[in-house]
């Protein structure tokens, strides 16, 4: 079950990364071409902030997708290492904040997509791991 959860979350994360990249290109281009200014900040700074901020978001989402692909194709279901656990927790926290923002600013449908990704990321921690075939504990000898 962990493998299919990782694959599903990877697909959603790659889609989110694509949408983030398109939003970065669109917002940066709009701010630059319309010479929008906000509180004295130049339009080039606003456009560059859109490119850099959403570009970093895209890179983070693709990093998490890469970690999930690695988990999906790994031979056995092993417990997570520390870097993997840290990355997945950071992604879950990020998606929790993003889901709250999407519900407040964008609407229910975008919230549902982000909440579905959050659910799959959290589910990765609660799916049980199967022990490796040769790693059953040896029973101890009875005490006499």
C-alpha atoms as a PDB file:
ATOM      1  CA  UNK A   1       0.000   0.000   0.000  1.00  0.00           C
ATOM      2  CA  UNK A   2       2.904   2.346   0.710  1.00  0.00           C
ATOM      3  CA  UNK A   3       4.123   2.008  -2.874  1.00  0.00           C
ATOM      4  CA  UNK A   4       0.769   3.085  -4.355  1.00  0.00           C
ATOM      5  CA  UNK A   5       0.463   5.921  -1.872  1.00  0.00           C
ATOM      6  CA  UNK A   6       3.922   7.169  -2.852  1.00  0.00           C
ATOM      7  CA  UNK A   7       3.086   6.935  -6.553  1.00  0.00           C
ATOM      8  CA  UNK A   8      -0.194   8.828  -6.088  1.00  0.00           C
ATOM      9  CA  UNK A   9       1.468  11.539  -4.024  1.00  0.00           C
ATOM     10  CA  UNK A  10       4.253  11.821  -6.610  1.00  0.00           C
ATOM     11  CA  UNK A  11       1.770  12.389  -9.423  1.00  0.00           C
ATOM     12  CA  UNK A  12      -0.022  15.092  -7.432  1.00  0.00           C
ATOM     13  CA  UNK A  13       3.260  16.753  -6.422  1.00  0.00           C
ATOM     14  CA  UNK A  14       4.496  16.880 -10.016  1.00  0.00           C
ATOM     15  CA  UNK A  15       1.169  18.402 -11.089  1.00  0.00           C
ATOM     16  CA  UNK A  16       1.417  20.975  -8.298  1.00  0.00           C
ATOM     17  CA  UNK A  17       4.992  21.770  -9.328  1.00  0.00           C
ATOM     18  CA  UNK A  18       3.845  22.328 -12.903  1.00  0.00           C
ATOM     19  CA  UNK A  19       1.065  24.646 -11.773  1.00  0.00           C
ATOM     20  CA  UNK A  20       3.524  26.541  -9.547  1.00  0.00           C
ATOM     21  CA  UNK A  21       5.915  26.970 -12.457  1.00  0.00           C
ATOM     22  CA  UNK A  22       3.147  28.242 -14.722  1.00  0.00           C
ATOM     23  CA  UNK A  23       1.956  30.618 -11.996  1.00  0.00           C
ATOM     24  CA  UNK A  24       5.500  31.954 -11.570  1.00  0.00           C
ATOM     25  CA  UNK A  25       5.837  32.612 -15.274  1.00  0.00           C
ATOM     26  CA  UNK A  26       2.388  34.180 -15.519  1.00  0.00           C
ATOM     27  CA  UNK A  27       2.620  36.382 -12.426  1.00  0.00           C
ATOM     28  CA  UNK A  28       6.135  37.525 -13.226  1.00  0.00           C
ATOM     29  CA  UNK A  29       5.255  38.362 -16.821  1.00  0.00           C
ATOM     30  CA  UNK A  30       2.081  40.229 -15.838  1.00  0.00           C
ATOM     31  CA  UNK A  31       3.859  42.265 -13.158  1.00  0.00           C
ATOM     32  CA  UNK A  32       6.694  43.108 -15.528  1.00  0.00           C
ATOM     33  CA  UNK A  33       4.630  44.025 -18.601  1.00  0.00           C
ATOM     34  CA  UNK A  34       2.077  46.132 -16.752  1.00  0.00           C
ATOM     35  CA  UNK A  35       4.717  47.983 -14.704  1.00  0.00           C
ATOM     36  CA  UNK A  36       2.851  47.219 -11.485  1.00  0.00           C
ATOM     37  CA  UNK A  37       4.246  48.859  -8.381  1.00  0.00           C
ATOM     38  CA  UNK A  38       3.302  48.291  -4.791  1.00  0.00           C
ATOM     39  CA  UNK A  39       4.308  50.696  -2.001  1.00  0.00           C
ATOM     40  CA  UNK A  40       7.270  51.980  -3.976  1.00  0.00           C
ATOM     41  CA  UNK A  41       8.681  48.551  -4.885  1.00  0.00           C
ATOM     42  CA  UNK A  42       9.685  48.461  -8.534  1.00  0.00           C
ATOM     43  CA  UNK A  43       7.974  46.172 -11.009  1.00  0.00           C
ATOM     44  CA  UNK A  44      11.207  44.310 -11.757  1.00  0.00           C
ATOM     45  CA  UNK A  45      11.586  43.428  -8.076  1.00  0.00           C
ATOM     46  CA  UNK A  46       7.999  42.156  -7.944  1.00  0.00           C
ATOM     47  CA  UNK A  47       8.497  40.083 -11.099  1.00  0.00           C
ATOM     48  CA  UNK A  48      11.796  38.665  -9.832  1.00  0.00           C
ATOM     49  CA  UNK A  49      10.209  37.827  -6.468  1.00  0.00           C
ATOM     50  CA  UNK A  50       7.448  35.914  -8.272  1.00  0.00           C
ATOM     51  CA  UNK A  51      10.021  34.019 -10.340  1.00  0.00           C
ATOM     52  CA  UNK A  52      12.279  33.194  -7.397  1.00  0.00           C
ATOM     53  CA  UNK A  53       9.588  32.438  -4.809  1.00  0.00           C
ATOM     54  CA  UNK A  54       7.462  30.168  -6.941  1.00  0.00           C
ATOM     55  CA  UNK A  55      10.595  28.703  -8.527  1.00  0.00           C
ATOM     56  CA  UNK A  56      11.814  27.642  -5.083  1.00  0.00           C
ATOM     57  CA  UNK A  57       8.370  26.213  -4.352  1.00  0.00           C
ATOM     58  CA  UNK A  58       8.537  24.225  -7.602  1.00  0.00           C
ATOM     59  CA  UNK A  59      12.013  22.937  -6.752  1.00  0.00           C
ATOM     60  CA  UNK A  60      10.867  21.845  -3.286  1.00  0.00           C
ATOM     61  CA  UNK A  61       7.837  20.031  -4.663  1.00  0.00           C
ATOM     62  CA  UNK A  62      10.016  18.230  -7.218  1.00  0.00           C
ATOM     63  CA  UNK A  63      12.513  17.298  -4.472  1.00  0.00           C
ATOM     64  CA  UNK A  64       9.724  15.731  -2.411  1.00  0.00           C
ATOM     65  CA  UNK A  65       8.431  13.960  -5.538  1.00  0.00           C
ATOM     66  CA  UNK A  66      11.932  12.568  -6.082  1.00  0.00           C
ATOM     67  CA  UNK A  67      12.061  11.287  -2.504  1.00  0.00           C
ATOM     68  CA  UNK A  68       8.686   9.612  -2.996  1.00  0.00           C
ATOM     69  CA  UNK A  69       9.795   8.018  -6.269  1.00  0.00           C
ATOM     70  CA  UNK A  70      12.828   6.644  -4.439  1.00  0.00           C
ATOM     71  CA  UNK A  71      10.523   5.215  -1.779  1.00  0.00           C
ATOM     72  CA  UNK A  72       8.189   3.725  -4.390  1.00  0.00           C
ATOM     73  CA  UNK A  73      10.872   1.886  -6.345  1.00  0.00           C
ATOM     74  CA  UNK A  74      12.911   0.735  -3.368  1.00  0.00           C
ATOM     75  CA  UNK A  75      12.872  -3.046  -3.107  1.00  0.00           C
ATOM     76  CA  UNK A  76      11.533  -3.556   0.415  1.00  0.00           C
ATOM     77  CA  UNK A  77       9.339  -1.523   2.669  1.00  0.00           C
ATOM     78  CA  UNK A  78      11.936  -0.236   5.077  1.00  0.00           C
ATOM     79  CA  UNK A  79      11.371   2.364   7.782  1.00  0.00           C
ATOM     80  CA  UNK A  80      12.217   5.924   6.771  1.00  0.00           C
ATOM     81  CA  UNK A  81      15.611   7.402   7.430  1.00  0.00           C
ATOM     82  CA  UNK A  82      15.977  10.776   9.097  1.00  0.00           C
ATOM     83  CA  UNK A  83      16.409  12.880   5.932  1.00  0.00           C
ATOM     84  CA  UNK A  84      13.401  11.209   4.310  1.00  0.00           C
ATOM     85  CA  UNK A  85      11.278  11.684   7.407  1.00  0.00           C
ATOM     86  CA  UNK A  86      12.340  15.331   7.695  1.00  0.00           C
ATOM     87  CA  UNK A  87      11.544  15.992   4.028  1.00  0.00           C
ATOM     88  CA  UNK A  88       8.105  14.390   4.262  1.00  0.00           C
ATOM     89  CA  UNK A  89       7.243  16.240   7.475  1.00  0.00           C
ATOM     90  CA  UNK A  90       8.347  19.545   5.920  1.00  0.00           C
ATOM     91  CA  UNK A  91       6.210  18.799   2.861  1.00  0.00           C
ATOM     92  CA  UNK A  92       3.213  17.923   5.038  1.00  0.00           C
ATOM     93  CA  UNK A  93       3.554  21.146   7.037  1.00  0.00           C
ATOM     94  CA  UNK A  94       3.955  23.122   3.806  1.00  0.00           C
ATOM     95  CA  UNK A  95       0.828  21.523   2.364  1.00  0.00           C
ATOM     96  CA  UNK A  96      -1.117  22.173   5.569  1.00  0.00           C
ATOM     97  CA  UNK A  97      -0.327  25.890   5.385  1.00  0.00           C
ATOM     98  CA  UNK A  98      -0.936  25.923   1.635  1.00  0.00           C
ATOM     99  CA  UNK A  99      -4.296  24.179   2.085  1.00  0.00           C
ATOM    100  CA  UNK A 100      -5.395  26.808   4.599  1.00  0.00           C
ATOM    101  CA  UNK A 101      -4.342  29.590   2.236  1.00  0.00           C
ATOM    102  CA  UNK A 102      -6.067  27.950  -0.721  1.00  0.00           C
ATOM    103  CA  UNK A 103      -9.305  27.588   1.215  1.00  0.00           C
ATOM    104  CA  UNK A 104      -9.194  31.215   2.325  1.00  0.00           C
ATOM    105  CA  UNK A 105      -8.041  32.768  -0.945  1.00  0.00           C
ATOM    106  CA  UNK A 106      -8.862  30.504  -3.843  1.00  0.00           C
ATOM    107  CA  UNK A 107     -11.784  28.242  -3.125  1.00  0.00           C
ATOM    108  CA  UNK A 108     -12.823  24.745  -2.249  1.00  0.00           C
ATOM    109  CA  UNK A 109     -11.594  22.927  -5.366  1.00  0.00           C
ATOM    110  CA  UNK A 110      -7.969  24.012  -5.069  1.00  0.00           C
ATOM    111  CA  UNK A 111      -8.164  23.309  -1.347  1.00  0.00           C
ATOM    112  CA  UNK A 112      -9.325  19.758  -2.071  1.00  0.00           C
ATOM    113  CA  UNK A 113      -6.351  19.072  -4.353  1.00  0.00           C
ATOM    114  CA  UNK A 114      -3.844  20.340  -1.802  1.00  0.00           C
ATOM    115  CA  UNK A 115      -5.669  18.558   1.044  1.00  0.00           C
ATOM    116  CA  UNK A 116      -5.591  15.307  -0.943  1.00  0.00           C
ATOM    117  CA  UNK A 117      -1.828  15.644  -1.349  1.00  0.00           C
ATOM    118  CA  UNK A 118      -1.511  16.402   2.361  1.00  0.00           C
ATOM    119  CA  UNK A 119      -3.547  13.303   3.169  1.00  0.00           C
ATOM    120  CA  UNK A 120      -1.312  11.107   1.017  1.00  0.00           C
ATOM    121  CA  UNK A 121       1.848  12.549   2.594  1.00  0.00           C
ATOM    122  CA  UNK A 122       0.545  11.899   6.100  1.00  0.00           C
ATOM    123  CA  UNK A 123      -0.653   8.436   5.070  1.00  0.00           C
ATOM    124  CA  UNK A 124       2.947   7.573   4.149  1.00  0.00           C
ATOM    125  CA  UNK A 125       3.793   7.657   7.851  1.00  0.00           C
ATOM    126  CA  UNK A 126       0.919   5.415   8.914  1.00  0.00           C
ATOM    127  CA  UNK A 127       1.179   2.613   6.373  1.00  0.00           C
ATOM    128  CA  UNK A 128       2.792  -0.390   8.029  1.00  0.00           C
ATOM    129  CA  UNK A 129       6.129  -1.725   6.857  1.00  0.00           C
ATOM    130  CA  UNK A 130       6.561  -5.367   5.992  1.00  0.00           C
ATOM    131  CA  UNK A 131       9.584  -7.067   7.510  1.00  0.00           C
ATOM    132  CA  UNK A 132      12.174  -8.387   5.095  1.00  0.00           C
ATOM    133  CA  UNK A 133      11.741 -12.112   4.269  1.00  0.00           C
ATOM    134  CA  UNK A 134      14.832 -13.291   6.127  1.00  0.00           C
ATOM    135  CA  UNK A 135      14.645 -10.973   9.107  1.00  0.00           C
ATOM    136  CA  UNK A 136      12.195 -12.787  11.371  1.00  0.00           C
ATOM    137  CA  UNK A 137      13.366 -12.776  14.970  1.00  0.00           C
ATOM    138  CA  UNK A 138      14.753 -16.061  16.202  1.00  0.00           C
ATOM    139  CA  UNK A 139      12.685 -17.401  19.109  1.00  0.00           C
ATOM    140  CA  UNK A 140      14.566 -17.550  22.371  1.00  0.00           C
ATOM    141  CA  UNK A 141      15.104 -20.850  24.114  1.00  0.00           C
ATOM    142  CA  UNK A 142      12.624 -21.517  26.921  1.00  0.00           C
ATOM    143  CA  UNK A 143      13.891 -20.621  30.374  1.00  0.00           C
ATOM    144  CA  UNK A 144      14.353 -23.543  32.672  1.00  0.00           C
END
